[in-house]
Each structure stands twice: as C-alpha cells, then as structure tokens.
Amino acid sequence: MKYIFHFFFFLFSLGAHATADYSKYEIKEGNENAKVKILIFESLTCPHCADFHKNIYPSLKSDFIDRGLVQIYFKSFPLDLAGLNASKITHCLNNDKRLVFLHHLYKTQNQWLKGEKIEDINNNLKKALDDFGIKNIDFQKCIKDEKIENLVLNERIKASKKYKIQSTPTVVINEKKFDKPLNYKNLKKAIEKLI
C-alpha cells in the first residue's frame, strides 16, 4: 500500500517539534492511584492489537482495572497513514467517547480498513463514526489538526527511543517493557507480582 511509504517518509522527516502537555487527550482507564500502570503501544491497523482488545483486554479489565488495581494507557503507535488518521480521529473525540470508540475501531478493523487508497479508508472511518452515532465531528478539520497530529507522532517517536519499540502491540508495565509472549496468562502473572 502506497500510503505506508508516504507515512514513513513523513514520520522520519519530522524535526524536533516542541511538545506540549497533551494529558487531556490521553486514552486511559482505571484508578489513578493504582499500583500498576500499564502502557500499551498500538496501531489501529495492527491485527495483533485488535486481538489484544478482543482476547486479553476483557479479562484484564474485569480482573484488575475494574477492581482498581491497574490503570492502563492506550498509546498511539501508528504503523501507517491509515493508523495515523484513525488515531487522530479517536483523539479528537470527547473524553467519554474516546475509549469506547477506540475499542469499536479494533472490533470493526476488518471493515473500515478495506481499500486500496487512503481516501477509501478515510471514507470508511467517516462511516465508522456515523455507525457509532458520532455526528458532531468535523472529519477533515480533525485529520488536518496539527496539534493532534503532533501528539500522535511525538508519542510514537518518544516511545521508540525510550522503550526501543519495534512492533505492536508492545506492553510496558511500571516503566519496564514486557518481554514475554503477550497472552493473558503471562500478563496476569506479571501484574500479580507487582500487586
């Protein structure tokens, strides 16, 4: 897909942009005072990330997040232009819609990711917003929002440098990169050692 190469050219041509406090755009869930903080670096176009949301996240939520033991941060690490645009759209939403729409995009990944050109995928993303009942967002304005774009791209660049991320999803628990195969059994063991 051509848009992948354009994305990487764009990403690596970025200079050192000033970073602002983007905490109000974060996608997170759980107790602010939880002893265990999990960062998951993911791309909305990554099938393994969709698998995490389908097969690992529900148990993680019921066993640890809902019980106030874990706080999780969903960090943008787009692998291509489609992933970047999907991240931007998600971050443009109001705080209460951001997390549920993120899960919706992973659940419907095979539907909105169809298309040869980035324009096809953008149209699918617009339809995903409509299907989800979100009507009050200016899609083009969001896609062109430099502040949101810098948030997503700077998050990716900083994560690459700090955690040496080479694939998605990558999980970091209490600032330590999780290096075991990513399944619920391994993740649960790692969390239980920290509680």
N, C-alpha and C. Protein backbone atom coordinates (compact mmCIF):
# COMPACT_ATOMS: atom_id res chain seq x y z
N MET A 1 0.84 -1.19 0.00
CA MET A 1 0.00 0.00 0.00
C MET A 1 0.88 1.24 0.00
N LYS A 2 0.62 2.12 -0.95
CA LYS A 2 1.46 3.31 -1.13
C LYS A 2 1.48 4.20 0.10
N TYR A 3 0.35 4.30 0.78
CA TYR A 3 0.28 5.26 1.88
C TYR A 3 1.19 4.89 3.04
N ILE A 4 1.62 3.63 3.14
CA ILE A 4 2.56 3.23 4.18
C ILE A 4 3.90 3.93 3.97
N PHE A 5 4.38 3.92 2.72
CA PHE A 5 5.67 4.53 2.44
C PHE A 5 5.62 6.04 2.61
N HIS A 6 4.53 6.66 2.21
CA HIS A 6 4.38 8.10 2.41
C HIS A 6 4.39 8.44 3.90
N PHE A 7 3.76 7.60 4.69
CA PHE A 7 3.70 7.82 6.13
C PHE A 7 5.10 7.80 6.73
N PHE A 8 5.89 6.78 6.40
CA PHE A 8 7.21 6.68 6.99
C PHE A 8 8.14 7.80 6.52
N PHE A 9 8.00 8.22 5.27
CA PHE A 9 8.77 9.37 4.80
C PHE A 9 8.41 10.60 5.63
N PHE A 10 7.10 10.78 5.85
CA PHE A 10 6.62 11.92 6.63
C PHE A 10 7.12 11.84 8.08
N LEU A 11 7.02 10.66 8.67
CA LEU A 11 7.40 10.48 10.07
C LEU A 11 8.87 10.79 10.29
N PHE A 12 9.72 10.26 9.43
CA PHE A 12 11.15 10.44 9.63
C PHE A 12 11.66 11.78 9.14
N SER A 13 10.83 12.52 8.43
CA SER A 13 11.24 13.87 8.02
C SER A 13 10.88 14.91 9.08
N LEU A 14 10.20 14.47 10.14
CA LEU A 14 9.84 15.40 11.22
C LEU A 14 11.06 15.89 11.95
N GLY A 15 11.07 17.13 12.25
CA GLY A 15 12.13 17.67 13.10
C GLY A 15 11.73 17.50 14.54
N ALA A 16 12.49 18.08 15.42
CA ALA A 16 12.15 18.02 16.84
C ALA A 16 11.13 19.10 17.13
N HIS A 17 9.88 18.72 17.13
CA HIS A 17 8.81 19.68 17.43
C HIS A 17 8.67 19.85 18.93
N ALA A 18 8.32 21.04 19.31
CA ALA A 18 8.08 21.28 20.73
C ALA A 18 6.88 20.45 21.18
N THR A 19 7.01 19.84 22.33
CA THR A 19 5.91 19.04 22.84
C THR A 19 5.15 19.83 23.89
N ALA A 20 3.86 19.69 23.88
CA ALA A 20 3.01 20.38 24.84
C ALA A 20 2.44 19.33 25.80
N ASP A 21 1.67 19.80 26.75
CA ASP A 21 1.01 18.88 27.67
C ASP A 21 -0.26 18.36 27.01
N TYR A 22 -0.21 17.11 26.58
CA TYR A 22 -1.35 16.52 25.87
C TYR A 22 -2.14 15.57 26.78
N SER A 23 -1.97 15.71 28.10
CA SER A 23 -2.62 14.77 29.01
C SER A 23 -4.14 14.77 28.84
N LYS A 24 -4.72 15.90 28.42
CA LYS A 24 -6.18 15.93 28.25
C LYS A 24 -6.65 15.09 27.07
N TYR A 25 -5.72 14.69 26.18
CA TYR A 25 -6.08 13.86 25.04
C TYR A 25 -5.81 12.38 25.28
N GLU A 26 -5.28 12.05 26.44
CA GLU A 26 -4.90 10.66 26.69
C GLU A 26 -6.11 9.73 26.68
N ILE A 27 -5.82 8.49 26.31
CA ILE A 27 -6.85 7.45 26.35
C ILE A 27 -6.42 6.48 27.44
N LYS A 28 -7.13 6.54 28.55
CA LYS A 28 -6.73 5.73 29.70
C LYS A 28 -7.97 5.24 30.44
N GLU A 29 -7.74 4.26 31.29
CA GLU A 29 -8.84 3.69 32.06
C GLU A 29 -8.28 3.14 33.36
N GLY A 30 -9.03 3.33 34.43
CA GLY A 30 -8.64 2.74 35.70
C GLY A 30 -8.30 3.77 36.76
N ASN A 31 -8.01 3.26 37.94
CA ASN A 31 -7.73 4.03 39.13
C ASN A 31 -6.41 4.81 38.99
N GLU A 32 -6.49 6.13 39.15
CA GLU A 32 -5.30 6.99 39.06
C GLU A 32 -4.24 6.58 40.10
N ASN A 33 -4.69 6.02 41.21
CA ASN A 33 -3.76 5.64 42.29
C ASN A 33 -3.36 4.17 42.25
N ALA A 34 -3.68 3.49 41.16
CA ALA A 34 -3.34 2.07 41.05
C ALA A 34 -1.83 1.87 41.16
N LYS A 35 -1.44 0.79 41.81
CA LYS A 35 -0.03 0.47 41.99
C LYS A 35 0.62 0.06 40.67
N VAL A 36 -0.18 -0.50 39.78
CA VAL A 36 0.34 -0.98 38.50
C VAL A 36 -0.17 -0.10 37.37
N LYS A 37 0.77 0.44 36.60
CA LYS A 37 0.44 1.26 35.43
C LYS A 37 0.91 0.51 34.19
N ILE A 38 -0.02 0.31 33.26
CA ILE A 38 0.32 -0.38 32.02
C ILE A 38 0.18 0.59 30.86
N LEU A 39 1.21 0.64 30.03
CA LEU A 39 1.15 1.37 28.77
C LEU A 39 1.10 0.33 27.67
N ILE A 40 0.15 0.49 26.76
CA ILE A 40 0.13 -0.40 25.60
C ILE A 40 0.27 0.46 24.35
N PHE A 41 1.36 0.23 23.62
CA PHE A 41 1.63 0.96 22.39
C PHE A 41 1.08 0.14 21.25
N GLU A 42 0.16 0.76 20.49
CA GLU A 42 -0.58 0.00 19.49
C GLU A 42 -0.93 0.87 18.29
N SER A 43 -1.17 0.17 17.18
CA SER A 43 -1.62 0.83 15.96
C SER A 43 -3.00 0.32 15.62
N LEU A 44 -3.88 1.22 15.26
CA LEU A 44 -5.26 0.82 14.95
C LEU A 44 -5.37 -0.05 13.69
N THR A 45 -4.28 -0.16 12.93
CA THR A 45 -4.29 -1.03 11.75
C THR A 45 -3.61 -2.37 12.01
N CYS A 46 -3.19 -2.60 13.24
CA CYS A 46 -2.45 -3.81 13.60
C CYS A 46 -3.42 -4.92 14.03
N PRO A 47 -3.43 -6.07 13.33
CA PRO A 47 -4.35 -7.15 13.71
C PRO A 47 -4.03 -7.75 15.08
N HIS A 48 -2.76 -7.75 15.48
CA HIS A 48 -2.39 -8.28 16.81
C HIS A 48 -2.91 -7.36 17.92
N CYS A 49 -2.99 -6.06 17.61
CA CYS A 49 -3.55 -5.11 18.58
C CYS A 49 -5.06 -5.35 18.73
N ALA A 50 -5.71 -5.59 17.59
CA ALA A 50 -7.15 -5.92 17.64
C ALA A 50 -7.37 -7.19 18.45
N ASP A 51 -6.47 -8.16 18.30
CA ASP A 51 -6.56 -9.40 19.06
C ASP A 51 -6.40 -9.14 20.56
N PHE A 52 -5.50 -8.22 20.93
CA PHE A 52 -5.34 -7.84 22.34
C PHE A 52 -6.66 -7.31 22.89
N HIS A 53 -7.32 -6.43 22.14
CA HIS A 53 -8.58 -5.83 22.61
C HIS A 53 -9.69 -6.87 22.70
N LYS A 54 -9.63 -7.87 21.85
CA LYS A 54 -10.68 -8.90 21.84
C LYS A 54 -10.43 -9.99 22.88
N ASN A 55 -9.19 -10.44 23.01
CA ASN A 55 -8.92 -11.65 23.80
C ASN A 55 -8.19 -11.43 25.13
N ILE A 56 -7.54 -10.29 25.31
CA ILE A 56 -6.79 -10.06 26.55
C ILE A 56 -7.43 -8.96 27.39
N TYR A 57 -7.78 -7.87 26.75
CA TYR A 57 -8.32 -6.70 27.46
C TYR A 57 -9.55 -7.03 28.33
N PRO A 58 -10.55 -7.79 27.86
CA PRO A 58 -11.73 -8.04 28.70
C PRO A 58 -11.39 -8.67 30.06
N SER A 59 -10.48 -9.63 30.08
CA SER A 59 -10.08 -10.26 31.35
C SER A 59 -9.25 -9.31 32.19
N LEU A 60 -8.38 -8.55 31.53
CA LEU A 60 -7.58 -7.55 32.23
C LEU A 60 -8.48 -6.52 32.91
N LYS A 61 -9.53 -6.13 32.21
CA LYS A 61 -10.48 -5.15 32.73
C LYS A 61 -11.22 -5.70 33.95
N SER A 62 -11.79 -6.89 33.81
CA SER A 62 -12.60 -7.44 34.92
C SER A 62 -11.75 -7.85 36.12
N ASP A 63 -10.56 -8.38 35.89
CA ASP A 63 -9.73 -8.88 36.99
C ASP A 63 -8.91 -7.80 37.69
N PHE A 64 -8.54 -6.76 36.96
CA PHE A 64 -7.61 -5.79 37.54
C PHE A 64 -8.05 -4.33 37.41
N ILE A 65 -8.49 -3.91 36.23
CA ILE A 65 -8.83 -2.49 36.03
C ILE A 65 -10.06 -2.11 36.84
N ASP A 66 -11.13 -2.89 36.71
CA ASP A 66 -12.38 -2.58 37.41
C ASP A 66 -12.25 -2.70 38.94
N ARG A 67 -11.26 -3.43 39.38
CA ARG A 67 -11.03 -3.60 40.83
C ARG A 67 -10.08 -2.55 41.38
N GLY A 68 -9.65 -1.61 40.53
CA GLY A 68 -8.81 -0.51 40.99
C GLY A 68 -7.34 -0.87 41.16
N LEU A 69 -6.94 -2.02 40.64
CA LEU A 69 -5.57 -2.49 40.84
C LEU A 69 -4.62 -2.05 39.72
N VAL A 70 -5.18 -1.77 38.56
CA VAL A 70 -4.38 -1.42 37.38
C VAL A 70 -4.99 -0.21 36.69
N GLN A 71 -4.11 0.66 36.22
CA GLN A 71 -4.52 1.73 35.31
C GLN A 71 -3.82 1.46 33.98
N ILE A 72 -4.56 1.56 32.89
CA ILE A 72 -4.00 1.28 31.57
C ILE A 72 -4.08 2.53 30.69
N TYR A 73 -3.03 2.75 29.94
CA TYR A 73 -2.95 3.85 28.97
C TYR A 73 -2.81 3.24 27.59
N PHE A 74 -3.70 3.62 26.68
CA PHE A 74 -3.64 3.17 25.30
C PHE A 74 -2.87 4.23 24.51
N LYS A 75 -1.65 3.89 24.10
CA LYS A 75 -0.75 4.84 23.46
C LYS A 75 -0.70 4.62 21.95
N SER A 76 -0.77 5.72 21.23
CA SER A 76 -0.76 5.65 19.76
C SER A 76 0.64 5.36 19.24
N PHE A 77 0.72 4.33 18.42
CA PHE A 77 1.98 3.98 17.75
C PHE A 77 1.63 3.56 16.32
N PRO A 78 1.14 4.51 15.51
CA PRO A 78 0.65 4.15 14.17
C PRO A 78 1.75 3.59 13.28
N LEU A 79 1.40 2.56 12.53
CA LEU A 79 2.36 1.91 11.63
C LEU A 79 2.25 2.42 10.21
N ASP A 80 1.21 3.18 9.93
CA ASP A 80 0.99 3.67 8.57
C ASP A 80 0.05 4.87 8.61
N LEU A 81 -0.23 5.44 7.46
CA LEU A 81 -1.06 6.64 7.39
C LEU A 81 -2.50 6.36 7.84
N ALA A 82 -3.01 5.19 7.51
CA ALA A 82 -4.37 4.83 7.96
C ALA A 82 -4.43 4.78 9.49
N GLY A 83 -3.41 4.19 10.09
CA GLY A 83 -3.34 4.13 11.55
C GLY A 83 -3.21 5.51 12.17
N LEU A 84 -2.45 6.38 11.51
CA LEU A 84 -2.30 7.76 12.00
C LEU A 84 -3.64 8.49 11.95
N ASN A 85 -4.35 8.38 10.82
CA ASN A 85 -5.64 9.06 10.70
C ASN A 85 -6.67 8.52 11.70
N ALA A 86 -6.69 7.21 11.89
CA ALA A 86 -7.62 6.61 12.85
C ALA A 86 -7.30 7.09 14.27
N SER A 87 -6.00 7.20 14.58
CA SER A 87 -5.59 7.72 15.91
C SER A 87 -6.03 9.16 16.08
N LYS A 88 -5.82 9.97 15.03
CA LYS A 88 -6.19 11.38 15.12
C LYS A 88 -7.69 11.52 15.38
N ILE A 89 -8.49 10.75 14.65
CA ILE A 89 -9.95 10.81 14.83
C ILE A 89 -10.32 10.44 16.27
N THR A 90 -9.70 9.40 16.78
CA THR A 90 -10.00 8.95 18.15
C THR A 90 -9.65 10.03 19.17
N HIS A 91 -8.48 10.64 19.00
CA HIS A 91 -8.06 11.69 19.94
C HIS A 91 -8.90 12.96 19.82
N CYS A 92 -9.53 13.19 18.68
CA CYS A 92 -10.39 14.37 18.51
C CYS A 92 -11.70 14.28 19.29
N LEU A 93 -12.08 13.08 19.67
CA LEU A 93 -13.37 12.89 20.33
C LEU A 93 -13.33 13.37 21.78
N ASN A 94 -14.51 13.61 22.32
CA ASN A 94 -14.61 13.97 23.73
C ASN A 94 -14.11 12.81 24.59
N ASN A 95 -13.65 13.14 25.76
CA ASN A 95 -13.04 12.16 26.66
C ASN A 95 -13.91 10.93 26.90
N ASP A 96 -15.21 11.10 27.07
CA ASP A 96 -16.10 9.96 27.37
C ASP A 96 -16.30 9.04 26.17
N LYS A 97 -16.05 9.53 24.96
CA LYS A 97 -16.25 8.72 23.75
C LYS A 97 -14.93 8.09 23.25
N ARG A 98 -13.81 8.66 23.67
CA ARG A 98 -12.51 8.25 23.13
C ARG A 98 -12.23 6.76 23.31
N LEU A 99 -12.37 6.27 24.53
CA LEU A 99 -12.04 4.88 24.82
C LEU A 99 -13.00 3.90 24.14
N VAL A 100 -14.29 4.20 24.19
CA VAL A 100 -15.25 3.26 23.59
C VAL A 100 -15.11 3.23 22.06
N PHE A 101 -14.78 4.38 21.46
CA PHE A 101 -14.59 4.40 20.01
C PHE A 101 -13.30 3.66 19.63
N LEU A 102 -12.27 3.77 20.46
CA LEU A 102 -11.03 3.02 20.22
C LEU A 102 -11.34 1.53 20.16
N HIS A 103 -12.09 1.03 21.15
CA HIS A 103 -12.47 -0.40 21.16
C HIS A 103 -13.32 -0.74 19.93
N HIS A 104 -14.20 0.17 19.56
CA HIS A 104 -15.06 -0.05 18.38
C HIS A 104 -14.22 -0.19 17.11
N LEU A 105 -13.20 0.65 16.96
CA LEU A 105 -12.35 0.58 15.77
C LEU A 105 -11.58 -0.75 15.72
N TYR A 106 -11.14 -1.24 16.86
CA TYR A 106 -10.46 -2.54 16.86
C TYR A 106 -11.45 -3.66 16.54
N LYS A 107 -12.65 -3.56 17.07
CA LYS A 107 -13.66 -4.58 16.83
C LYS A 107 -14.06 -4.64 15.36
N THR A 108 -14.10 -3.49 14.70
CA THR A 108 -14.55 -3.41 13.30
C THR A 108 -13.39 -3.18 12.33
N GLN A 109 -12.18 -3.51 12.77
CA GLN A 109 -10.97 -3.22 11.98
C GLN A 109 -11.06 -3.75 10.54
N ASN A 110 -11.56 -4.97 10.37
CA ASN A 110 -11.64 -5.55 9.02
C ASN A 110 -12.58 -4.79 8.10
N GLN A 111 -13.54 -4.07 8.67
CA GLN A 111 -14.50 -3.33 7.84
C GLN A 111 -13.94 -1.98 7.40
N TRP A 112 -13.42 -1.18 8.32
CA TRP A 112 -13.00 0.17 7.95
C TRP A 112 -11.64 0.19 7.27
N LEU A 113 -10.88 -0.89 7.39
CA LEU A 113 -9.54 -0.92 6.82
C LEU A 113 -9.50 -1.39 5.36
N LYS A 114 -10.67 -1.62 4.78
CA LYS A 114 -10.74 -2.04 3.37
C LYS A 114 -10.47 -0.85 2.45
N GLY A 115 -9.71 -1.10 1.40
CA GLY A 115 -9.48 -0.05 0.42
C GLY A 115 -8.05 -0.03 -0.07
N GLU A 116 -7.89 0.41 -1.30
CA GLU A 116 -6.56 0.50 -1.92
C GLU A 116 -5.89 1.82 -1.60
N LYS A 117 -6.68 2.87 -1.45
CA LYS A 117 -6.13 4.22 -1.26
C LYS A 117 -6.53 4.74 0.12
N ILE A 118 -5.75 5.71 0.58
CA ILE A 118 -6.04 6.31 1.88
C ILE A 118 -7.41 7.00 1.88
N GLU A 119 -7.82 7.50 0.72
CA GLU A 119 -9.15 8.14 0.62
C GLU A 119 -10.27 7.14 0.91
N ASP A 120 -10.08 5.89 0.45
CA ASP A 120 -11.07 4.84 0.72
C ASP A 120 -11.18 4.58 2.22
N ILE A 121 -10.02 4.51 2.87
CA ILE A 121 -10.01 4.22 4.30
C ILE A 121 -10.58 5.40 5.09
N ASN A 122 -10.25 6.62 4.66
CA ASN A 122 -10.83 7.80 5.32
C ASN A 122 -12.35 7.79 5.22
N ASN A 123 -12.88 7.41 4.06
CA ASN A 123 -14.34 7.31 3.90
C ASN A 123 -14.92 6.24 4.83
N ASN A 124 -14.19 5.14 4.98
CA ASN A 124 -14.62 4.08 5.90
C ASN A 124 -14.60 4.56 7.35
N LEU A 125 -13.60 5.37 7.69
CA LEU A 125 -13.53 5.93 9.05
C LEU A 125 -14.71 6.87 9.31
N LYS A 126 -15.06 7.66 8.29
CA LYS A 126 -16.24 8.55 8.43
C LYS A 126 -17.49 7.71 8.68
N LYS A 127 -17.61 6.62 7.94
CA LYS A 127 -18.77 5.73 8.10
C LYS A 127 -18.76 5.09 9.50
N ALA A 128 -17.57 4.74 9.99
CA ALA A 128 -17.46 4.16 11.34
C ALA A 128 -17.95 5.15 12.39
N LEU A 129 -17.63 6.42 12.21
CA LEU A 129 -18.12 7.46 13.13
C LEU A 129 -19.65 7.54 13.07
N ASP A 130 -20.19 7.54 11.85
CA ASP A 130 -21.65 7.58 11.68
C ASP A 130 -22.32 6.37 12.31
N ASP A 131 -21.76 5.18 12.03
CA ASP A 131 -22.33 3.94 12.56
C ASP A 131 -22.31 3.93 14.08
N PHE A 132 -21.30 4.59 14.65
CA PHE A 132 -21.16 4.65 16.10
C PHE A 132 -22.04 5.74 16.71
N GLY A 133 -22.66 6.55 15.85
CA GLY A 133 -23.55 7.60 16.32
C GLY A 133 -22.87 8.91 16.64
N ILE A 134 -21.65 9.09 16.13
CA ILE A 134 -20.92 10.34 16.37
C ILE A 134 -21.09 11.24 15.15
N LYS A 135 -21.88 12.28 15.31
CA LYS A 135 -22.21 13.16 14.18
C LYS A 135 -21.57 14.55 14.30
N ASN A 136 -21.10 14.88 15.50
CA ASN A 136 -20.68 16.26 15.75
C ASN A 136 -19.17 16.47 15.63
N ILE A 137 -18.53 15.76 14.69
CA ILE A 137 -17.10 15.93 14.49
C ILE A 137 -16.83 16.33 13.05
N ASP A 138 -15.97 17.31 12.87
CA ASP A 138 -15.56 17.74 11.53
C ASP A 138 -14.37 16.87 11.14
N PHE A 139 -14.62 15.87 10.32
CA PHE A 139 -13.60 14.87 9.97
C PHE A 139 -12.37 15.52 9.36
N GLN A 140 -12.56 16.36 8.35
CA GLN A 140 -11.43 16.98 7.66
C GLN A 140 -10.62 17.88 8.59
N LYS A 141 -11.31 18.62 9.43
CA LYS A 141 -10.63 19.50 10.38
C LYS A 141 -9.77 18.68 11.34
N CYS A 142 -10.30 17.56 11.79
CA CYS A 142 -9.57 16.69 12.72
C CYS A 142 -8.35 16.08 12.03
N ILE A 143 -8.52 15.59 10.80
CA ILE A 143 -7.41 14.98 10.07
C ILE A 143 -6.27 15.98 9.85
N LYS A 144 -6.64 17.26 9.71
CA LYS A 144 -5.63 18.30 9.46
C LYS A 144 -5.15 19.01 10.72
N ASP A 145 -5.63 18.59 11.89
CA ASP A 145 -5.29 19.24 13.16
C ASP A 145 -3.83 18.93 13.52
N GLU A 146 -2.97 19.94 13.43
CA GLU A 146 -1.54 19.75 13.68
C GLU A 146 -1.24 19.40 15.14
N LYS A 147 -2.01 19.94 16.05
CA LYS A 147 -1.79 19.66 17.47
C LYS A 147 -2.01 18.17 17.75
N ILE A 148 -3.10 17.63 17.23
CA ILE A 148 -3.40 16.20 17.43
C ILE A 148 -2.35 15.35 16.70
N GLU A 149 -2.01 15.76 15.49
CA GLU A 149 -1.00 15.01 14.71
C GLU A 149 0.33 14.97 15.46
N ASN A 150 0.74 16.11 16.00
CA ASN A 150 2.00 16.15 16.76
C ASN A 150 1.92 15.28 18.01
N LEU A 151 0.76 15.28 18.66
CA LEU A 151 0.55 14.42 19.82
C LEU A 151 0.83 12.96 19.45
N VAL A 152 0.19 12.50 18.39
CA VAL A 152 0.30 11.09 17.99
C VAL A 152 1.72 10.76 17.55
N LEU A 153 2.29 11.59 16.69
CA LEU A 153 3.62 11.30 16.15
C LEU A 153 4.71 11.45 17.20
N ASN A 154 4.60 12.45 18.06
CA ASN A 154 5.60 12.61 19.12
C ASN A 154 5.53 11.45 20.12
N GLU A 155 4.31 10.98 20.38
CA GLU A 155 4.15 9.84 21.27
C GLU A 155 4.87 8.62 20.69
N ARG A 156 4.74 8.44 19.39
CA ARG A 156 5.39 7.31 18.70
C ARG A 156 6.90 7.45 18.74
N ILE A 157 7.40 8.65 18.42
CA ILE A 157 8.85 8.89 18.38
C ILE A 157 9.47 8.70 19.77
N LYS A 158 8.82 9.28 20.79
CA LYS A 158 9.35 9.15 22.16
C LYS A 158 9.35 7.70 22.62
N ALA A 159 8.29 6.97 22.28
CA ALA A 159 8.21 5.56 22.69
C ALA A 159 9.29 4.73 22.01
N SER A 160 9.55 5.01 20.74
CA SER A 160 10.60 4.29 20.01
C SER A 160 11.95 4.47 20.69
N LYS A 161 12.23 5.70 21.09
CA LYS A 161 13.52 5.99 21.72
C LYS A 161 13.59 5.42 23.14
N LYS A 162 12.55 5.66 23.92
CA LYS A 162 12.59 5.28 25.34
C LYS A 162 12.50 3.78 25.57
N TYR A 163 11.57 3.11 24.83
CA TYR A 163 11.33 1.69 25.10
C TYR A 163 11.83 0.77 23.99
N LYS A 164 12.47 1.34 22.98
CA LYS A 164 13.00 0.55 21.85
C LYS A 164 11.91 -0.32 21.22
N ILE A 165 10.76 0.28 20.96
CA ILE A 165 9.63 -0.46 20.41
C ILE A 165 9.87 -0.74 18.93
N GLN A 166 9.65 -1.99 18.55
CA GLN A 166 9.85 -2.38 17.16
C GLN A 166 8.61 -3.04 16.56
N SER A 167 7.62 -3.32 17.39
CA SER A 167 6.40 -3.95 16.88
C SER A 167 5.24 -3.58 17.80
N THR A 168 4.05 -3.82 17.29
CA THR A 168 2.84 -3.56 18.09
C THR A 168 2.03 -4.85 18.17
N PRO A 169 1.33 -5.04 19.29
CA PRO A 169 1.34 -4.20 20.48
C PRO A 169 2.59 -4.45 21.32
N THR A 170 3.05 -3.41 21.98
CA THR A 170 4.12 -3.54 22.97
C THR A 170 3.56 -3.04 24.30
N VAL A 171 3.77 -3.84 25.33
CA VAL A 171 3.26 -3.52 26.66
C VAL A 171 4.42 -3.13 27.57
N VAL A 172 4.21 -2.06 28.32
CA VAL A 172 5.17 -1.61 29.32
C VAL A 172 4.44 -1.58 30.66
N ILE A 173 4.99 -2.28 31.65
CA ILE A 173 4.37 -2.34 32.98
C ILE A 173 5.28 -1.65 33.97
N ASN A 174 4.75 -0.60 34.61
CA ASN A 174 5.55 0.18 35.58
C ASN A 174 6.92 0.53 35.01
N GLU A 175 6.90 1.05 33.78
CA GLU A 175 8.10 1.54 33.09
C GLU A 175 9.08 0.44 32.65
N LYS A 176 8.66 -0.82 32.72
CA LYS A 176 9.51 -1.91 32.25
C LYS A 176 8.83 -2.62 31.09
N LYS A 177 9.55 -2.75 29.99
CA LYS A 177 9.00 -3.41 28.80
C LYS A 177 8.70 -4.88 29.10
N PHE A 178 7.48 -5.30 28.78
CA PHE A 178 7.04 -6.68 28.99
C PHE A 178 7.65 -7.53 27.88
N ASP A 179 8.48 -8.52 28.25
CA ASP A 179 9.24 -9.24 27.23
C ASP A 179 8.80 -10.69 27.02
N LYS A 180 7.74 -11.09 27.68
CA LYS A 180 7.23 -12.46 27.47
C LYS A 180 6.20 -12.46 26.34
N PRO A 181 5.85 -13.64 25.79
CA PRO A 181 4.78 -13.68 24.79
C PRO A 181 3.51 -13.04 25.36
N LEU A 182 2.86 -12.21 24.56
CA LEU A 182 1.71 -11.44 25.06
C LEU A 182 0.44 -12.27 25.01
N ASN A 183 0.15 -12.91 26.15
CA ASN A 183 -1.13 -13.58 26.33
C ASN A 183 -1.59 -13.26 27.75
N TYR A 184 -2.85 -13.55 28.05
CA TYR A 184 -3.39 -13.14 29.34
C TYR A 184 -2.70 -13.83 30.51
N LYS A 185 -2.36 -15.09 30.34
CA LYS A 185 -1.72 -15.85 31.43
C LYS A 185 -0.40 -15.17 31.85
N ASN A 186 0.43 -14.83 30.88
CA ASN A 186 1.72 -14.19 31.17
C ASN A 186 1.54 -12.79 31.76
N LEU A 187 0.59 -12.06 31.21
CA LEU A 187 0.33 -10.71 31.69
C LEU A 187 -0.19 -10.73 33.14
N LYS A 188 -1.07 -11.67 33.41
CA LYS A 188 -1.65 -11.80 34.76
C LYS A 188 -0.56 -12.11 35.79
N LYS A 189 0.34 -13.02 35.44
CA LYS A 189 1.44 -13.37 36.35
C LYS A 189 2.30 -12.15 36.66
N ALA A 190 2.60 -11.38 35.62
CA ALA A 190 3.46 -10.20 35.79
C ALA A 190 2.79 -9.17 36.68
N ILE A 191 1.48 -8.98 36.50
CA ILE A 191 0.75 -8.00 37.32
C ILE A 191 0.66 -8.46 38.76
N GLU A 192 0.36 -9.74 38.97
CA GLU A 192 0.20 -10.26 40.32
C GLU A 192 1.47 -10.13 41.15
N LYS A 193 2.62 -10.18 40.51
CA LYS A 193 3.89 -9.99 41.23
C LYS A 193 4.06 -8.57 41.74
N LEU A 194 3.36 -7.64 41.12
CA LEU A 194 3.51 -6.23 41.47
C LEU A 194 2.45 -5.70 42.43
N ILE A 195 1.39 -6.48 42.65
CA ILE A 195 0.29 -6.01 43.49
C ILE A 195 0.60 -6.26 44.97
